[in-house]
Amino acid sequence: MDQGFFLLFAAVSVITALTVVLARNPVHSALALMACFLQVSAIFVLLGAPLLAVIQIFVYVGAIMVLFLFVIMMIDVREAVLQRFLPGGNLPALVLLVLLGLEMLALVLWSDRFSATEPAAARDGDQVRELSRAIFTDYLLPFEAASVILLAALVGAIVLARKEPG
């Protein structure tokens, strides 16, 4: 069953990655990239690395995709919005939607097979505790420096995107 879920997640990941490349609309391409990142995080869960899955979702789906969408909104994409998502109408988008729905249904139906046992949950909790202790003690200065750099980049992007009055 593990191999079946892996093949399902991998196939959907490849399809969404192809959609990233083939989509004409950059917003649709960014959304397909987000779906691809979610599939990769599901593969991390199958590999028994829930911390990597959560980091994948927080960093890539959360932060990086917000950055991509912000850049896409900064450039003028009015012409691209008028074009179709994929050549051939809505059929590829519908097939992708059905595949994602079936994948979520299968995950819900067989989720008890992937629930963590008590020793694994305790081990994962210890890993998270060790990681957070290392970040906030040994690496506090680089962590705070990265947050200040990201804040400066956000302020700079807002200043660049602001329209001049008049």
C-alpha atoms as a PDB file:
ATOM      1  CA  MET A   1       0.000   0.000   0.000  1.00  0.00           C
ATOM      2  CA  ASP A   2       2.921   2.328   0.737  1.00  0.00           C
ATOM      3  CA  GLN A   3       4.206   1.839  -2.776  1.00  0.00           C
ATOM      4  CA  GLY A   4       0.761   2.631  -4.199  1.00  0.00           C
ATOM      5  CA  PHE A   5       0.570   5.926  -2.305  1.00  0.00           C
ATOM      6  CA  PHE A   6       4.118   6.776  -3.309  1.00  0.00           C
ATOM      7  CA  LEU A   7       3.310   6.140  -6.961  1.00  0.00           C
ATOM      8  CA  LEU A   8       0.145   8.223  -6.654  1.00  0.00           C
ATOM      9  CA  PHE A   9       1.943  11.156  -5.024  1.00  0.00           C
ATOM     10  CA  ALA A  10       4.843  10.899  -7.461  1.00  0.00           C
ATOM     11  CA  ALA A  11       2.549  10.793 -10.511  1.00  0.00           C
ATOM     12  CA  VAL A  12       0.551  13.805  -9.348  1.00  0.00           C
ATOM     13  CA  SER A  13       3.814  15.594  -8.540  1.00  0.00           C
ATOM     14  CA  VAL A  14       5.110  15.002 -12.064  1.00  0.00           C
ATOM     15  CA  ILE A  15       1.795  16.127 -13.580  1.00  0.00           C
ATOM     16  CA  THR A  16       1.776  19.334 -11.538  1.00  0.00           C
ATOM     17  CA  ALA A  17       5.439  19.944 -12.376  1.00  0.00           C
ATOM     18  CA  LEU A  18       4.594  19.634 -16.077  1.00  0.00           C
ATOM     19  CA  THR A  19       1.693  22.016 -15.523  1.00  0.00           C
ATOM     20  CA  VAL A  20       4.143  24.528 -14.037  1.00  0.00           C
ATOM     21  CA  VAL A  21       6.140  24.451 -17.255  1.00  0.00           C
ATOM     22  CA  LEU A  22       3.251  24.251 -19.726  1.00  0.00           C
ATOM     23  CA  ALA A  23       0.839  26.750 -18.172  1.00  0.00           C
ATOM     24  CA  ARG A  24       0.552  30.022 -20.040  1.00  0.00           C
ATOM     25  CA  ASN A  25      -0.814  31.985 -17.112  1.00  0.00           C
ATOM     26  CA  PRO A  26       1.880  32.644 -14.481  1.00  0.00           C
ATOM     27  CA  VAL A  27      -0.648  32.605 -11.644  1.00  0.00           C
ATOM     28  CA  HIS A  28      -1.818  29.130 -12.679  1.00  0.00           C
ATOM     29  CA  SER A  29       1.804  28.066 -12.963  1.00  0.00           C
ATOM     30  CA  ALA A  30       2.497  29.259  -9.413  1.00  0.00           C
ATOM     31  CA  LEU A  31      -0.577  27.434  -8.109  1.00  0.00           C
ATOM     32  CA  ALA A  32       0.553  24.242  -9.854  1.00  0.00           C
ATOM     33  CA  LEU A  33       3.962  24.677  -8.227  1.00  0.00           C
ATOM     34  CA  MET A  34       2.228  24.929  -4.866  1.00  0.00           C
ATOM     35  CA  ALA A  35       0.393  21.658  -5.591  1.00  0.00           C
ATOM     36  CA  CYS A  36       3.720  20.064  -6.524  1.00  0.00           C
ATOM     37  CA  PHE A  37       5.247  21.207  -3.222  1.00  0.00           C
ATOM     38  CA  LEU A  38       2.299  19.674  -1.358  1.00  0.00           C
ATOM     39  CA  GLN A  39       2.863  16.363  -3.145  1.00  0.00           C
ATOM     40  CA  VAL A  40       6.525  16.408  -2.142  1.00  0.00           C
ATOM     41  CA  SER A  41       5.526  17.012   1.476  1.00  0.00           C
ATOM     42  CA  ALA A  42       3.146  14.033   1.261  1.00  0.00           C
ATOM     43  CA  ILE A  43       6.068  11.915   0.050  1.00  0.00           C
ATOM     44  CA  PHE A  44       8.060  13.111   3.070  1.00  0.00           C
ATOM     45  CA  VAL A  45       5.234  11.878   5.303  1.00  0.00           C
ATOM     46  CA  LEU A  46       5.370   8.481   3.593  1.00  0.00           C
ATOM     47  CA  LEU A  47       9.113   8.372   4.222  1.00  0.00           C
ATOM     48  CA  GLY A  48       8.515   8.866   7.933  1.00  0.00           C
ATOM     49  CA  ALA A  49       9.849  12.430   8.063  1.00  0.00           C
ATOM     50  CA  PRO A  50       6.925  14.551   9.296  1.00  0.00           C
ATOM     51  CA  LEU A  51       9.220  17.389  10.363  1.00  0.00           C
ATOM     52  CA  LEU A  52      10.531  17.725   6.804  1.00  0.00           C
ATOM     53  CA  ALA A  53       6.949  17.653   5.514  1.00  0.00           C
ATOM     54  CA  VAL A  54       5.932  20.499   7.830  1.00  0.00           C
ATOM     55  CA  ILE A  55       9.041  22.495   6.944  1.00  0.00           C
ATOM     56  CA  GLN A  56       8.284  21.903   3.247  1.00  0.00           C
ATOM     57  CA  ILE A  57       4.784  23.277   3.719  1.00  0.00           C
ATOM     58  CA  PHE A  58       5.809  26.253   5.868  1.00  0.00           C
ATOM     59  CA  VAL A  59       8.852  27.337   3.883  1.00  0.00           C
ATOM     60  CA  TYR A  60       7.987  26.499   0.293  1.00  0.00           C
ATOM     61  CA  VAL A  61       4.194  26.535   0.184  1.00  0.00           C
ATOM     62  CA  GLY A  62       3.925  29.378   2.664  1.00  0.00           C
ATOM     63  CA  ALA A  63       6.843  31.741   2.206  1.00  0.00           C
ATOM     64  CA  ILE A  64       8.261  31.041  -1.237  1.00  0.00           C
ATOM     65  CA  MET A  65       4.886  30.831  -2.957  1.00  0.00           C
ATOM     66  CA  VAL A  66       3.793  34.120  -1.382  1.00  0.00           C
ATOM     67  CA  LEU A  67       6.995  35.645  -2.758  1.00  0.00           C
ATOM     68  CA  PHE A  68       6.353  34.194  -6.228  1.00  0.00           C
ATOM     69  CA  LEU A  69       2.755  35.409  -6.277  1.00  0.00           C
ATOM     70  CA  PHE A  70       3.868  38.850  -5.086  1.00  0.00           C
ATOM     71  CA  VAL A  71       6.394  39.091  -7.930  1.00  0.00           C
ATOM     72  CA  ILE A  72       3.795  37.894 -10.425  1.00  0.00           C
ATOM     73  CA  MET A  73       1.403  40.576  -9.196  1.00  0.00           C
ATOM     74  CA  MET A  74       4.125  43.221  -9.491  1.00  0.00           C
ATOM     75  CA  ILE A  75       4.683  42.523 -13.185  1.00  0.00           C
ATOM     76  CA  ASP A  76       1.935  43.221 -15.669  1.00  0.00           C
ATOM     77  CA  VAL A  77       0.183  39.947 -16.427  1.00  0.00           C
ATOM     78  CA  ARG A  78      -3.073  41.305 -17.853  1.00  0.00           C
ATOM     79  CA  GLU A  79      -2.348  39.772 -21.257  1.00  0.00           C
ATOM     80  CA  ALA A  80      -1.521  36.402 -19.741  1.00  0.00           C
ATOM     81  CA  VAL A  81      -4.746  36.332 -17.755  1.00  0.00           C
ATOM     82  CA  LEU A  82      -6.731  36.463 -20.992  1.00  0.00           C
ATOM     83  CA  GLN A  83      -5.082  33.284 -22.286  1.00  0.00           C
ATOM     84  CA  ARG A  84      -6.224  29.768 -21.495  1.00  0.00           C
ATOM     85  CA  PHE A  85      -4.785  27.672 -18.652  1.00  0.00           C
ATOM     86  CA  LEU A  86      -3.791  24.819 -20.969  1.00  0.00           C
ATOM     87  CA  PRO A  87      -4.470  24.258 -24.664  1.00  0.00           C
ATOM     88  CA  GLY A  88      -7.541  22.115 -25.232  1.00  0.00           C
ATOM     89  CA  GLY A  89     -10.054  23.749 -22.925  1.00  0.00           C
ATOM     90  CA  ASN A  90     -10.814  22.796 -19.372  1.00  0.00           C
ATOM     91  CA  LEU A  91     -10.336  19.035 -19.711  1.00  0.00           C
ATOM     92  CA  PRO A  92      -6.734  18.882 -18.368  1.00  0.00           C
ATOM     93  CA  ALA A  93      -7.682  21.041 -15.383  1.00  0.00           C
ATOM     94  CA  LEU A  94     -10.692  18.826 -14.709  1.00  0.00           C
ATOM     95  CA  VAL A  95      -8.580  15.655 -14.894  1.00  0.00           C
ATOM     96  CA  LEU A  96      -6.055  17.199 -12.489  1.00  0.00           C
ATOM     97  CA  LEU A  97      -8.839  18.163 -10.092  1.00  0.00           C
ATOM     98  CA  VAL A  98     -10.302  14.641 -10.173  1.00  0.00           C
ATOM     99  CA  LEU A  99      -6.855  13.100  -9.539  1.00  0.00           C
ATOM    100  CA  LEU A 100      -6.252  15.387  -6.563  1.00  0.00           C
ATOM    101  CA  GLY A 101      -9.701  14.569  -5.179  1.00  0.00           C
ATOM    102  CA  LEU A 102      -9.144  10.822  -5.531  1.00  0.00           C
ATOM    103  CA  GLU A 103      -5.753  11.176  -3.881  1.00  0.00           C
ATOM    104  CA  MET A 104      -7.241  13.006  -0.897  1.00  0.00           C
ATOM    105  CA  LEU A 105     -10.042  10.425  -0.627  1.00  0.00           C
ATOM    106  CA  ALA A 106      -7.542   7.566  -0.644  1.00  0.00           C
ATOM    107  CA  LEU A 107      -5.444   9.329   1.964  1.00  0.00           C
ATOM    108  CA  VAL A 108      -8.446   9.770   4.254  1.00  0.00           C
ATOM    109  CA  LEU A 109      -9.614   6.179   3.802  1.00  0.00           C
ATOM    110  CA  TRP A 110      -6.232   4.642   4.573  1.00  0.00           C
ATOM    111  CA  SER A 111      -4.852   7.240   6.958  1.00  0.00           C
ATOM    112  CA  ASP A 112      -4.888   4.852   9.915  1.00  0.00           C
ATOM    113  CA  ARG A 113      -2.172   2.798   8.244  1.00  0.00           C
ATOM    114  CA  PHE A 114       0.167   5.794   8.343  1.00  0.00           C
ATOM    115  CA  SER A 115      -0.503   6.940  11.883  1.00  0.00           C
ATOM    116  CA  ALA A 116       2.647   7.168  13.949  1.00  0.00           C
ATOM    117  CA  THR A 117       3.210   4.750  16.789  1.00  0.00           C
ATOM    118  CA  GLU A 118       3.955   6.034  20.260  1.00  0.00           C
ATOM    119  CA  PRO A 119       7.772   5.561  20.207  1.00  0.00           C
ATOM    120  CA  ALA A 120       8.040   7.268  16.791  1.00  0.00           C
ATOM    121  CA  ALA A 121       5.907  10.177  17.996  1.00  0.00           C
ATOM    122  CA  ALA A 122       8.119  10.579  21.062  1.00  0.00           C
ATOM    123  CA  ARG A 123      11.232  10.414  18.891  1.00  0.00           C
ATOM    124  CA  ASP A 124       9.836  13.044  16.511  1.00  0.00           C
ATOM    125  CA  GLY A 125       8.974  15.264  19.465  1.00  0.00           C
ATOM    126  CA  ASP A 126      12.544  14.953  20.691  1.00  0.00           C
ATOM    127  CA  GLN A 127      13.889  15.885  17.275  1.00  0.00           C
ATOM    128  CA  VAL A 128      11.681  18.959  17.118  1.00  0.00           C
ATOM    129  CA  ARG A 129      12.693  19.912  20.654  1.00  0.00           C
ATOM    130  CA  GLU A 130      16.391  19.541  19.780  1.00  0.00           C
ATOM    131  CA  LEU A 131      15.992  21.539  16.574  1.00  0.00           C
ATOM    132  CA  SER A 132      14.146  24.368  18.288  1.00  0.00           C
ATOM    133  CA  ARG A 133      16.666  24.443  21.128  1.00  0.00           C
ATOM    134  CA  ALA A 134      19.528  24.660  18.605  1.00  0.00           C
ATOM    135  CA  ILE A 135      17.822  27.427  16.606  1.00  0.00           C
ATOM    136  CA  PHE A 136      17.032  29.581  19.625  1.00  0.00           C
ATOM    137  CA  THR A 137      20.306  29.067  21.523  1.00  0.00           C
ATOM    138  CA  ASP A 138      23.271  28.293  19.278  1.00  0.00           C
ATOM    139  CA  TYR A 139      21.944  29.890  16.082  1.00  0.00           C
ATOM    140  CA  LEU A 140      19.870  32.757  17.481  1.00  0.00           C
ATOM    141  CA  LEU A 141      21.920  35.521  15.814  1.00  0.00           C
ATOM    142  CA  PRO A 142      21.780  34.021  12.274  1.00  0.00           C
ATOM    143  CA  PHE A 143      18.069  33.264  12.761  1.00  0.00           C
ATOM    144  CA  GLU A 144      17.318  36.861  13.748  1.00  0.00           C
ATOM    145  CA  ALA A 145      19.567  38.205  10.961  1.00  0.00           C
ATOM    146  CA  ALA A 146      17.594  36.170   8.421  1.00  0.00           C
ATOM    147  CA  SER A 147      14.331  37.548   9.788  1.00  0.00           C
ATOM    148  CA  VAL A 148      15.632  41.146   9.532  1.00  0.00           C
ATOM    149  CA  ILE A 149      16.820  40.528   5.946  1.00  0.00           C
ATOM    150  CA  LEU A 150      13.404  39.098   5.004  1.00  0.00           C
ATOM    151  CA  LEU A 151      11.682  42.070   6.624  1.00  0.00           C
ATOM    152  CA  ALA A 152      13.904  44.487   4.680  1.00  0.00           C
ATOM    153  CA  ALA A 153      13.135  42.618   1.443  1.00  0.00           C
ATOM    154  CA  LEU A 154       9.411  42.828   2.162  1.00  0.00           C
ATOM    155  CA  VAL A 155       9.587  46.585   2.830  1.00  0.00           C
ATOM    156  CA  GLY A 156      11.685  47.080  -0.320  1.00  0.00           C
ATOM    157  CA  ALA A 157       9.208  45.111  -2.429  1.00  0.00           C
ATOM    158  CA  ILE A 158       6.322  47.182  -1.101  1.00  0.00           C
ATOM    159  CA  VAL A 159       8.176  50.417  -1.889  1.00  0.00           C
ATOM    160  CA  LEU A 160       8.990  49.193  -5.418  1.00  0.00           C
ATOM    161  CA  ALA A 161       5.436  48.043  -6.085  1.00  0.00           C
ATOM    162  CA  ARG A 162       3.825  51.249  -4.877  1.00  0.00           C
ATOM    163  CA  LYS A 163       2.337  53.379  -7.612  1.00  0.00           C
ATOM    164  CA  GLU A 164       3.530  56.956  -7.872  1.00  0.00           C
ATOM    165  CA  PRO A 165       0.771  59.497  -7.186  1.00  0.00           C
ATOM    166  CA  GLY A 166      -0.387  61.506 -10.175  1.00  0.00           C
END
